[in-house]
Amino acid sequence: MVLYGLVCCAIVVQPAQTDLSGLLTGFQDLINSSKFASVATVDFLILNVVSAYFVTKDYALRTSDDDENKKKATLIALSTLLILPFGSSLYCLFRPKLED
């Protein structure tokens, strides 16, 4: 799972390393010229923050309530935010079984 996340980050970061300022300038121009792009960006960010919150809550429900699992839940939420579109999907694939 960690290896998959690193590969996804490398794929996303690799093109940005060549001309980061040009990439950011182009994105800023797009945001300034299109209301749809602005709304879509805000929507994407809100969905990612909310999914990180619910991933943490789901992990807390599926595991015992001790300090070790609370730390893991925080790390899982951070990884969900860092691996934006794939973090929640990866959690759904590898989440622990629900306790009876």
PDB file of N, CA and C in Angstrom:
ATOM      1  N   MET A   1       0.823  -1.180   0.000  1.00  0.00           N
ATOM      2  CA  MET A   1       0.000   0.000   0.000  1.00  0.00           C
ATOM      3  C   MET A   1       0.874   1.252   0.000  1.00  0.00           C
ATOM      4  N   VAL A   2       1.917   1.254   0.804  1.00  0.00           N
ATOM      5  CA  VAL A   2       2.810   2.410   0.851  1.00  0.00           C
ATOM      6  C   VAL A   2       3.528   2.562  -0.482  1.00  0.00           C
ATOM      7  N   LEU A   3       3.940   1.453  -1.062  1.00  0.00           N
ATOM      8  CA  LEU A   3       4.624   1.506  -2.353  1.00  0.00           C
ATOM      9  C   LEU A   3       3.709   2.082  -3.428  1.00  0.00           C
ATOM     10  N   TYR A   4       2.447   1.702  -3.418  1.00  0.00           N
ATOM     11  CA  TYR A   4       1.485   2.232  -4.389  1.00  0.00           C
ATOM     12  C   TYR A   4       1.338   3.743  -4.223  1.00  0.00           C
ATOM     13  N   GLY A   5       1.266   4.201  -2.980  1.00  0.00           N
ATOM     14  CA  GLY A   5       1.162   5.631  -2.712  1.00  0.00           C
ATOM     15  C   GLY A   5       2.386   6.385  -3.200  1.00  0.00           C
ATOM     16  N   LEU A   6       3.559   5.816  -2.994  1.00  0.00           N
ATOM     17  CA  LEU A   6       4.788   6.459  -3.468  1.00  0.00           C
ATOM     18  C   LEU A   6       4.839   6.535  -4.989  1.00  0.00           C
ATOM     19  N   VAL A   7       4.388   5.479  -5.644  1.00  0.00           N
ATOM     20  CA  VAL A   7       4.364   5.474  -7.109  1.00  0.00           C
ATOM     21  C   VAL A   7       3.390   6.537  -7.623  1.00  0.00           C
ATOM     22  N   CYS A   8       2.213   6.634  -7.007  1.00  0.00           N
ATOM     23  CA  CYS A   8       1.232   7.649  -7.421  1.00  0.00           C
ATOM     24  C   CYS A   8       1.776   9.055  -7.208  1.00  0.00           C
ATOM     25  N   CYS A   9       2.435   9.276  -6.087  1.00  0.00           N
ATOM     26  CA  CYS A   9       3.024  10.596  -5.827  1.00  0.00           C
ATOM     27  C   CYS A   9       4.133  10.903  -6.818  1.00  0.00           C
ATOM     28  N   ALA A  10       4.936   9.906  -7.172  1.00  0.00           N
ATOM     29  CA  ALA A  10       6.008  10.126  -8.136  1.00  0.00           C
ATOM     30  C   ALA A  10       5.450  10.476  -9.510  1.00  0.00           C
ATOM     31  N   ILE A  11       4.347   9.858  -9.879  1.00  0.00           N
ATOM     32  CA  ILE A  11       3.726  10.150 -11.172  1.00  0.00           C
ATOM     33  C   ILE A  11       3.186  11.575 -11.198  1.00  0.00           C
ATOM     34  N   VAL A  12       2.612  12.011 -10.090  1.00  0.00           N
ATOM     35  CA  VAL A  12       2.047  13.359 -10.026  1.00  0.00           C
ATOM     36  C   VAL A  12       3.140  14.412  -9.904  1.00  0.00           C
ATOM     37  N   VAL A  13       4.171  14.143  -9.104  1.00  0.00           N
ATOM     38  CA  VAL A  13       5.208  15.133  -8.830  1.00  0.00           C
ATOM     39  C   VAL A  13       6.205  15.253  -9.981  1.00  0.00           C
ATOM     40  N   GLN A  14       6.458  14.200 -10.701  1.00  0.00           N
ATOM     41  CA  GLN A  14       7.474  14.215 -11.765  1.00  0.00           C
ATOM     42  C   GLN A  14       7.271  15.330 -12.792  1.00  0.00           C
ATOM     43  N   PRO A  15       6.087  15.492 -13.390  1.00  0.00           N
ATOM     44  CA  PRO A  15       5.931  16.585 -14.351  1.00  0.00           C
ATOM     45  C   PRO A  15       6.022  17.958 -13.693  1.00  0.00           C
ATOM     46  N   ALA A  16       5.623  18.055 -12.434  1.00  0.00           N
ATOM     47  CA  ALA A  16       5.638  19.345 -11.757  1.00  0.00           C
ATOM     48  C   ALA A  16       7.052  19.791 -11.410  1.00  0.00           C
ATOM     49  N   GLN A  17       8.004  18.883 -11.340  1.00  0.00           N
ATOM     50  CA  GLN A  17       9.366  19.244 -10.997  1.00  0.00           C
ATOM     51  C   GLN A  17      10.041  20.039 -12.099  1.00  0.00           C
ATOM     52  N   THR A  18       9.620  19.860 -13.312  1.00  0.00           N
ATOM     53  CA  THR A  18      10.301  20.533 -14.403  1.00  0.00           C
ATOM     54  C   THR A  18       9.990  22.022 -14.436  1.00  0.00           C
ATOM     55  N   ASP A  19       8.742  22.424 -14.265  1.00  0.00           N
ATOM     56  CA  ASP A  19       8.367  23.827 -14.342  1.00  0.00           C
ATOM     57  C   ASP A  19       7.218  24.102 -13.378  1.00  0.00           C
ATOM     58  N   LEU A  20       7.527  24.136 -12.101  1.00  0.00           N
ATOM     59  CA  LEU A  20       6.496  24.313 -11.091  1.00  0.00           C
ATOM     60  C   LEU A  20       5.867  25.704 -11.179  1.00  0.00           C
ATOM     61  N   SER A  21       6.675  26.718 -11.411  1.00  0.00           N
ATOM     62  CA  SER A  21       6.116  28.073 -11.477  1.00  0.00           C
ATOM     63  C   SER A  21       5.182  28.229 -12.675  1.00  0.00           C
ATOM     64  N   GLY A  22       5.528  27.613 -13.800  1.00  0.00           N
ATOM     65  CA  GLY A  22       4.648  27.660 -14.967  1.00  0.00           C
ATOM     66  C   GLY A  22       3.357  26.915 -14.733  1.00  0.00           C
ATOM     67  N   LEU A  23       3.454  25.803 -14.026  1.00  0.00           N
ATOM     68  CA  LEU A  23       2.262  25.021 -13.703  1.00  0.00           C
ATOM     69  C   LEU A  23       1.324  25.807 -12.789  1.00  0.00           C
ATOM     70  N   LEU A  24       1.892  26.436 -11.766  1.00  0.00           N
ATOM     71  CA  LEU A  24       1.070  27.218 -10.843  1.00  0.00           C
ATOM     72  C   LEU A  24       0.488  28.458 -11.522  1.00  0.00           C
ATOM     73  N   THR A  25       1.250  29.082 -12.390  1.00  0.00           N
ATOM     74  CA  THR A  25       0.739  30.243 -13.122  1.00  0.00           C
ATOM     75  C   THR A  25      -0.410  29.841 -14.041  1.00  0.00           C
ATOM     76  N   GLY A  26      -0.268  28.723 -14.714  1.00  0.00           N
ATOM     77  CA  GLY A  26      -1.341  28.228 -15.572  1.00  0.00           C
ATOM     78  C   GLY A  26      -2.592  27.893 -14.790  1.00  0.00           C
ATOM     79  N   PHE A  27      -2.411  27.284 -13.615  1.00  0.00           N
ATOM     80  CA  PHE A  27      -3.564  26.963 -12.778  1.00  0.00           C
ATOM     81  C   PHE A  27      -4.237  28.234 -12.279  1.00  0.00           C
ATOM     82  N   GLN A  28      -3.441  29.228 -11.887  1.00  0.00           N
ATOM     83  CA  GLN A  28      -4.003  30.495 -11.433  1.00  0.00           C
ATOM     84  C   GLN A  28      -4.766  31.186 -12.558  1.00  0.00           C
ATOM     85  N   ASP A  29      -4.243  31.149 -13.772  1.00  0.00           N
ATOM     86  CA  ASP A  29      -4.952  31.721 -14.915  1.00  0.00           C
ATOM     87  C   ASP A  29      -6.277  31.003 -15.161  1.00  0.00           C
ATOM     88  N   LEU A  30      -6.263  29.687 -15.026  1.00  0.00           N
ATOM     89  CA  LEU A  30      -7.490  28.908 -15.203  1.00  0.00           C
ATOM     90  C   LEU A  30      -8.520  29.273 -14.147  1.00  0.00           C
ATOM     91  N   ILE A  31      -8.092  29.385 -12.900  1.00  0.00           N
ATOM     92  CA  ILE A  31      -9.005  29.748 -11.811  1.00  0.00           C
ATOM     93  C   ILE A  31      -9.585  31.146 -12.041  1.00  0.00           C
ATOM     94  N   ASN A  32      -8.746  32.070 -12.495  1.00  0.00           N
ATOM     95  CA  ASN A  32      -9.211  33.446 -12.718  1.00  0.00           C
ATOM     96  C   ASN A  32     -10.157  33.561 -13.904  1.00  0.00           C
ATOM     97  N   SER A  33     -10.015  32.687 -14.877  1.00  0.00           N
ATOM     98  CA  SER A  33     -10.827  32.812 -16.083  1.00  0.00           C
ATOM     99  C   SER A  33     -12.091  31.960 -16.075  1.00  0.00           C
ATOM    100  N   SER A  34     -12.175  30.981 -15.192  1.00  0.00           N
ATOM    101  CA  SER A  34     -13.305  30.061 -15.225  1.00  0.00           C
ATOM    102  C   SER A  34     -13.908  29.886 -13.832  1.00  0.00           C
ATOM    103  N   LYS A  35     -15.188  30.220 -13.715  1.00  0.00           N
ATOM    104  CA  LYS A  35     -15.889  30.004 -12.446  1.00  0.00           C
ATOM    105  C   LYS A  35     -16.050  28.515 -12.164  1.00  0.00           C
ATOM    106  N   PHE A  36     -16.231  27.738 -13.226  1.00  0.00           N
ATOM    107  CA  PHE A  36     -16.384  26.286 -13.056  1.00  0.00           C
ATOM    108  C   PHE A  36     -15.116  25.678 -12.446  1.00  0.00           C
ATOM    109  N   ALA A  37     -13.960  26.108 -12.916  1.00  0.00           N
ATOM    110  CA  ALA A  37     -12.702  25.586 -12.377  1.00  0.00           C
ATOM    111  C   ALA A  37     -12.541  25.974 -10.912  1.00  0.00           C
ATOM    112  N   SER A  38     -12.968  27.180 -10.560  1.00  0.00           N
ATOM    113  CA  SER A  38     -12.894  27.625  -9.164  1.00  0.00           C
ATOM    114  C   SER A  38     -13.796  26.779  -8.274  1.00  0.00           C
ATOM    115  N   VAL A  39     -15.017  26.570  -8.715  1.00  0.00           N
ATOM    116  CA  VAL A  39     -15.967  25.784  -7.930  1.00  0.00           C
ATOM    117  C   VAL A  39     -15.514  24.325  -7.847  1.00  0.00           C
ATOM    118  N   ALA A  40     -15.023  23.790  -8.941  1.00  0.00           N
ATOM    119  CA  ALA A  40     -14.561  22.396  -8.951  1.00  0.00           C
ATOM    120  C   ALA A  40     -13.369  22.211  -8.020  1.00  0.00           C
ATOM    121  N   THR A  41     -12.479  23.182  -7.963  1.00  0.00           N
ATOM    122  CA  THR A  41     -11.321  23.090  -7.074  1.00  0.00           C
ATOM    123  C   THR A  41     -11.755  23.116  -5.614  1.00  0.00           C
ATOM    124  N   VAL A  42     -12.636  24.020  -5.274  1.00  0.00           N
ATOM    125  CA  VAL A  42     -13.133  24.096  -3.892  1.00  0.00           C
ATOM    126  C   VAL A  42     -13.903  22.821  -3.541  1.00  0.00           C
ATOM    127  N   ASP A  43     -14.703  22.329  -4.454  1.00  0.00           N
ATOM    128  CA  ASP A  43     -15.452  21.094  -4.228  1.00  0.00           C
ATOM    129  C   ASP A  43     -14.511  19.915  -3.996  1.00  0.00           C
ATOM    130  N   PHE A  44     -13.489  19.822  -4.809  1.00  0.00           N
ATOM    131  CA  PHE A  44     -12.507  18.744  -4.677  1.00  0.00           C
ATOM    132  C   PHE A  44     -11.817  18.806  -3.315  1.00  0.00           C
ATOM    133  N   LEU A  45     -11.448  19.989  -2.873  1.00  0.00           N
ATOM    134  CA  LEU A  45     -10.789  20.129  -1.579  1.00  0.00           C
ATOM    135  C   LEU A  45     -11.728  19.783  -0.429  1.00  0.00           C
ATOM    136  N   ILE A  46     -12.974  20.235  -0.504  1.00  0.00           N
ATOM    137  CA  ILE A  46     -13.937  19.927   0.552  1.00  0.00           C
ATOM    138  C   ILE A  46     -14.197  18.424   0.625  1.00  0.00           C
ATOM    139  N   LEU A  47     -14.363  17.788  -0.519  1.00  0.00           N
ATOM    140  CA  LEU A  47     -14.601  16.337  -0.520  1.00  0.00           C
ATOM    141  C   LEU A  47     -13.426  15.570   0.071  1.00  0.00           C
ATOM    142  N   ASN A  48     -12.225  16.006  -0.192  1.00  0.00           N
ATOM    143  CA  ASN A  48     -11.061  15.318   0.365  1.00  0.00           C
ATOM    144  C   ASN A  48     -10.948  15.497   1.867  1.00  0.00           C
ATOM    145  N   VAL A  49     -11.231  16.693   2.362  1.00  0.00           N
ATOM    146  CA  VAL A  49     -11.188  16.918   3.812  1.00  0.00           C
ATOM    147  C   VAL A  49     -12.277  16.115   4.510  1.00  0.00           C
ATOM    148  N   VAL A  50     -13.473  16.101   3.950  1.00  0.00           N
ATOM    149  CA  VAL A  50     -14.581  15.344   4.544  1.00  0.00           C
ATOM    150  C   VAL A  50     -14.305  13.840   4.492  1.00  0.00           C
ATOM    151  N   SER A  51     -13.727  13.367   3.394  1.00  0.00           N
ATOM    152  CA  SER A  51     -13.423  11.931   3.313  1.00  0.00           C
ATOM    153  C   SER A  51     -12.351  11.550   4.326  1.00  0.00           C
ATOM    154  N   ALA A  52     -11.377  12.415   4.575  1.00  0.00           N
ATOM    155  CA  ALA A  52     -10.368  12.120   5.602  1.00  0.00           C
ATOM    156  C   ALA A  52     -11.012  12.043   6.982  1.00  0.00           C
ATOM    157  N   TYR A  53     -11.958  12.914   7.243  1.00  0.00           N
ATOM    158  CA  TYR A  53     -12.673  12.882   8.524  1.00  0.00           C
ATOM    159  C   TYR A  53     -13.436  11.566   8.682  1.00  0.00           C
ATOM    160  N   PHE A  54     -14.174  11.176   7.649  1.00  0.00           N
ATOM    161  CA  PHE A  54     -14.975   9.957   7.753  1.00  0.00           C
ATOM    162  C   PHE A  54     -14.122   8.687   7.737  1.00  0.00           C
ATOM    163  N   VAL A  55     -12.977   8.727   7.095  1.00  0.00           N
ATOM    164  CA  VAL A  55     -12.064   7.587   7.154  1.00  0.00           C
ATOM    165  C   VAL A  55     -11.581   7.400   8.591  1.00  0.00           C
ATOM    166  N   THR A  56     -11.256   8.503   9.253  1.00  0.00           N
ATOM    167  CA  THR A  56     -10.825   8.430  10.654  1.00  0.00           C
ATOM    168  C   THR A  56     -11.935   7.883  11.539  1.00  0.00           C
ATOM    169  N   LYS A  57     -13.155   8.357  11.338  1.00  0.00           N
ATOM    170  CA  LYS A  57     -14.286   7.869  12.130  1.00  0.00           C
ATOM    171  C   LYS A  57     -14.541   6.384  11.873  1.00  0.00           C
ATOM    172  N   ASP A  58     -14.456   5.961  10.616  1.00  0.00           N
ATOM    173  CA  ASP A  58     -14.672   4.563  10.279  1.00  0.00           C
ATOM    174  C   ASP A  58     -13.605   3.674  10.904  1.00  0.00           C
ATOM    175  N   TYR A  59     -12.364   4.127  10.865  1.00  0.00           N
ATOM    176  CA  TYR A  59     -11.284   3.341  11.467  1.00  0.00           C
ATOM    177  C   TYR A  59     -11.486   3.231  12.981  1.00  0.00           C
ATOM    178  N   ALA A  60     -11.926   4.309  13.607  1.00  0.00           N
ATOM    179  CA  ALA A  60     -12.176   4.268  15.047  1.00  0.00           C
ATOM    180  C   ALA A  60     -13.304   3.296  15.387  1.00  0.00           C
ATOM    181  N   LEU A  61     -14.326   3.200  14.544  1.00  0.00           N
ATOM    182  CA  LEU A  61     -15.420   2.266  14.788  1.00  0.00           C
ATOM    183  C   LEU A  61     -14.997   0.816  14.587  1.00  0.00           C
ATOM    184  N   ARG A  62     -14.051   0.589  13.703  1.00  0.00           N
ATOM    185  CA  ARG A  62     -13.647  -0.770  13.368  1.00  0.00           C
ATOM    186  C   ARG A  62     -12.543  -1.329  14.261  1.00  0.00           C
ATOM    187  N   THR A  63     -11.926  -0.494  15.074  1.00  0.00           N
ATOM    188  CA  THR A  63     -10.835  -0.952  15.932  1.00  0.00           C
ATOM    189  C   THR A  63     -11.135  -0.615  17.382  1.00  0.00           C
ATOM    190  N   SER A  64     -10.281  -1.111  18.273  1.00  0.00           N
ATOM    191  CA  SER A  64     -10.457  -0.809  19.692  1.00  0.00           C
ATOM    192  C   SER A  64     -10.077   0.647  19.965  1.00  0.00           C
ATOM    193  N   ASP A  65     -10.471   1.131  21.109  1.00  0.00           N
ATOM    194  CA  ASP A  65     -10.305   2.548  21.441  1.00  0.00           C
ATOM    195  C   ASP A  65      -9.090   2.738  22.347  1.00  0.00           C
ATOM    196  N   ASP A  66      -7.883   2.494  21.829  1.00  0.00           N
ATOM    197  CA  ASP A  66      -6.672   2.732  22.597  1.00  0.00           C
ATOM    198  C   ASP A  66      -5.790   3.769  21.888  1.00  0.00           C
ATOM    199  N   ASP A  67      -4.716   4.169  22.550  1.00  0.00           N
ATOM    200  CA  ASP A  67      -3.865   5.237  22.011  1.00  0.00           C
ATOM    201  C   ASP A  67      -3.188   4.842  20.709  1.00  0.00           C
ATOM    202  N   GLU A  68      -2.799   3.591  20.590  1.00  0.00           N
ATOM    203  CA  GLU A  68      -2.123   3.129  19.365  1.00  0.00           C
ATOM    204  C   GLU A  68      -3.035   3.265  18.148  1.00  0.00           C
ATOM    205  N   ASN A  69      -4.276   2.876  18.291  1.00  0.00           N
ATOM    206  CA  ASN A  69      -5.219   2.979  17.168  1.00  0.00           C
ATOM    207  C   ASN A  69      -5.604   4.424  16.874  1.00  0.00           C
ATOM    208  N   LYS A  70      -5.609   5.291  17.891  1.00  0.00           N
ATOM    209  CA  LYS A  70      -5.869   6.703  17.648  1.00  0.00           C
ATOM    210  C   LYS A  70      -4.748   7.325  16.823  1.00  0.00           C
ATOM    211  N   LYS A  71      -3.511   6.928  17.107  1.00  0.00           N
ATOM    212  CA  LYS A  71      -2.371   7.413  16.317  1.00  0.00           C
ATOM    213  C   LYS A  71      -2.459   6.901  14.883  1.00  0.00           C
ATOM    214  N   LYS A  72      -2.833   5.633  14.737  1.00  0.00           N
ATOM    215  CA  LYS A  72      -2.994   5.070  13.398  1.00  0.00           C
ATOM    216  C   LYS A  72      -4.102   5.768  12.630  1.00  0.00           C
ATOM    217  N   ALA A  73      -5.184   6.094  13.315  1.00  0.00           N
ATOM    218  CA  ALA A  73      -6.295   6.788  12.660  1.00  0.00           C
ATOM    219  C   ALA A  73      -5.851   8.153  12.158  1.00  0.00           C
ATOM    220  N   THR A  74      -5.049   8.841  12.948  1.00  0.00           N
ATOM    221  CA  THR A  74      -4.528  10.141  12.518  1.00  0.00           C
ATOM    222  C   THR A  74      -3.620   9.989  11.311  1.00  0.00           C
ATOM    223  N   LEU A  75      -2.748   8.988  11.322  1.00  0.00           N
ATOM    224  CA  LEU A  75      -1.854   8.752  10.183  1.00  0.00           C
ATOM    225  C   LEU A  75      -2.629   8.365   8.933  1.00  0.00           C
ATOM    226  N   ILE A  76      -3.673   7.578   9.106  1.00  0.00           N
ATOM    227  CA  ILE A  76      -4.499   7.192   7.960  1.00  0.00           C
ATOM    228  C   ILE A  76      -5.209   8.418   7.381  1.00  0.00           C
ATOM    229  N   ALA A  77      -5.695   9.304   8.249  1.00  0.00           N
ATOM    230  CA  ALA A  77      -6.341  10.532   7.770  1.00  0.00           C
ATOM    231  C   ALA A  77      -5.349  11.407   7.012  1.00  0.00           C
ATOM    232  N   LEU A  78      -4.130  11.529   7.521  1.00  0.00           N
ATOM    233  CA  LEU A  78      -3.108  12.321   6.819  1.00  0.00           C
ATOM    234  C   LEU A  78      -2.754  11.709   5.478  1.00  0.00           C
ATOM    235  N   SER A  79      -2.645  10.389   5.439  1.00  0.00           N
ATOM    236  CA  SER A  79      -2.322   9.750   4.160  1.00  0.00           C
ATOM    237  C   SER A  79      -3.475   9.902   3.168  1.00  0.00           C
ATOM    238  N   THR A  80      -4.702   9.921   3.683  1.00  0.00           N
ATOM    239  CA  THR A  80      -5.853  10.149   2.809  1.00  0.00           C
ATOM    240  C   THR A  80      -5.782  11.544   2.194  1.00  0.00           C
ATOM    241  N   LEU A  81      -5.342  12.521   2.968  1.00  0.00           N
ATOM    242  CA  LEU A  81      -5.219  13.878   2.450  1.00  0.00           C
ATOM    243  C   LEU A  81      -4.035  14.023   1.500  1.00  0.00           C
ATOM    244  N   LEU A  82      -2.958  13.307   1.765  1.00  0.00           N
ATOM    245  CA  LEU A  82      -1.756  13.444   0.944  1.00  0.00           C
ATOM    246  C   LEU A  82      -1.867  12.729  -0.394  1.00  0.00           C
ATOM    247  N   ILE A  83      -2.592  11.639  -0.423  1.00  0.00           N
ATOM    248  CA  ILE A  83      -2.770  10.888  -1.667  1.00  0.00           C
ATOM    249  C   ILE A  83      -4.193  11.176  -2.135  1.00  0.00           C
ATOM    250  N   LEU A  84      -4.424  12.392  -2.559  1.00  0.00           N
ATOM    251  CA  LEU A  84      -5.766  12.958  -2.693  1.00  0.00           C
ATOM    252  C   LEU A  84      -6.830  12.027  -3.267  1.00  0.00           C
ATOM    253  N   PRO A  85      -6.873  11.736  -4.534  1.00  0.00           N
ATOM    254  CA  PRO A  85      -8.024  10.961  -5.005  1.00  0.00           C
ATOM    255  C   PRO A  85      -7.940   9.477  -4.669  1.00  0.00           C
ATOM    256  N   PHE A  86      -6.762   8.990  -4.330  1.00  0.00           N
ATOM    257  CA  PHE A  86      -6.594   7.554  -4.128  1.00  0.00           C
ATOM    258  C   PHE A  86      -6.623   7.134  -2.658  1.00  0.00           C
ATOM    259  N   GLY A  87      -6.445   8.080  -1.743  1.00  0.00           N
ATOM    260  CA  GLY A  87      -6.348   7.741  -0.323  1.00  0.00           C
ATOM    261  C   GLY A  87      -7.575   7.051   0.219  1.00  0.00           C
ATOM    262  N   SER A  88      -8.738   7.580  -0.063  1.00  0.00           N
ATOM    263  CA  SER A  88      -9.984   6.977   0.428  1.00  0.00           C
ATOM    264  C   SER A  88     -10.238   5.625  -0.218  1.00  0.00           C
ATOM    265  N   SER A  89      -9.915   5.512  -1.481  1.00  0.00           N
ATOM    266  CA  SER A  89     -10.097   4.236  -2.179  1.00  0.00           C
ATOM    267  C   SER A  89      -9.176   3.169  -1.606  1.00  0.00           C
ATOM    268  N   LEU A  90      -7.941   3.543  -1.326  1.00  0.00           N
ATOM    269  CA  LEU A  90      -7.008   2.591  -0.730  1.00  0.00           C
ATOM    270  C   LEU A  90      -7.472   2.165   0.656  1.00  0.00           C
ATOM    271  N   TYR A  91      -7.989   3.110   1.421  1.00  0.00           N
ATOM    272  CA  TYR A  91      -8.506   2.753   2.741  1.00  0.00           C
ATOM    273  C   TYR A  91      -9.659   1.765   2.620  1.00  0.00           C
ATOM    274  N   CYS A  92     -10.562   2.007   1.685  1.00  0.00           N
ATOM    275  CA  CYS A  92     -11.702   1.097   1.508  1.00  0.00           C
ATOM    276  C   CYS A  92     -11.250  -0.302   1.119  1.00  0.00           C
ATOM    277  N   LEU A  93     -10.167  -0.395   0.372  1.00  0.00           N
ATOM    278  CA  LEU A  93      -9.652  -1.711  -0.011  1.00  0.00           C
ATOM    279  C   LEU A  93      -9.009  -2.456   1.156  1.00  0.00           C
ATOM    280  N   PHE A  94      -8.323  -1.717   2.030  1.00  0.00           N
ATOM    281  CA  PHE A  94      -7.511  -2.363   3.062  1.00  0.00           C
ATOM    282  C   PHE A  94      -8.002  -2.104   4.483  1.00  0.00           C
ATOM    283  N   ARG A  95      -9.230  -1.613   4.644  1.00  0.00           N
ATOM    284  CA  ARG A  95      -9.689  -1.307   5.992  1.00  0.00           C
ATOM    285  C   ARG A  95      -9.909  -2.588   6.790  1.00  0.00           C
ATOM    286  N   PRO A  96      -9.805  -2.507   8.127  1.00  0.00           N
ATOM    287  CA  PRO A  96      -9.977  -3.695   8.956  1.00  0.00           C
ATOM    288  C   PRO A  96     -11.433  -4.159   8.962  1.00  0.00           C
ATOM    289  N   LYS A  97     -11.604  -5.407   9.307  1.00  0.00           N
ATOM    290  CA  LYS A  97     -12.953  -5.963   9.394  1.00  0.00           C
ATOM    291  C   LYS A  97     -13.708  -5.329  10.538  1.00  0.00           C
ATOM    292  N   LEU A  98     -15.016  -5.244  10.396  1.00  0.00           N
ATOM    293  CA  LEU A  98     -15.872  -4.669  11.434  1.00  0.00           C
ATOM    294  C   LEU A  98     -15.988  -5.658  12.579  1.00  0.00           C
ATOM    295  N   GLU A  99     -15.760  -5.166  13.818  1.00  0.00           N
ATOM    296  CA  GLU A  99     -15.857  -6.030  14.986  1.00  0.00           C
ATOM    297  C   GLU A  99     -17.321  -6.296  15.319  1.00  0.00           C
ATOM    298  N   ASP A 100     -17.587  -7.479  15.814  1.00  0.00           N
ATOM    299  CA  ASP A 100     -18.968  -7.843  16.174  1.00  0.00           C
ATOM    300  C   ASP A 100     -19.343  -7.348  17.545  1.00  0.00           C
TER     301      ASP A 100
END
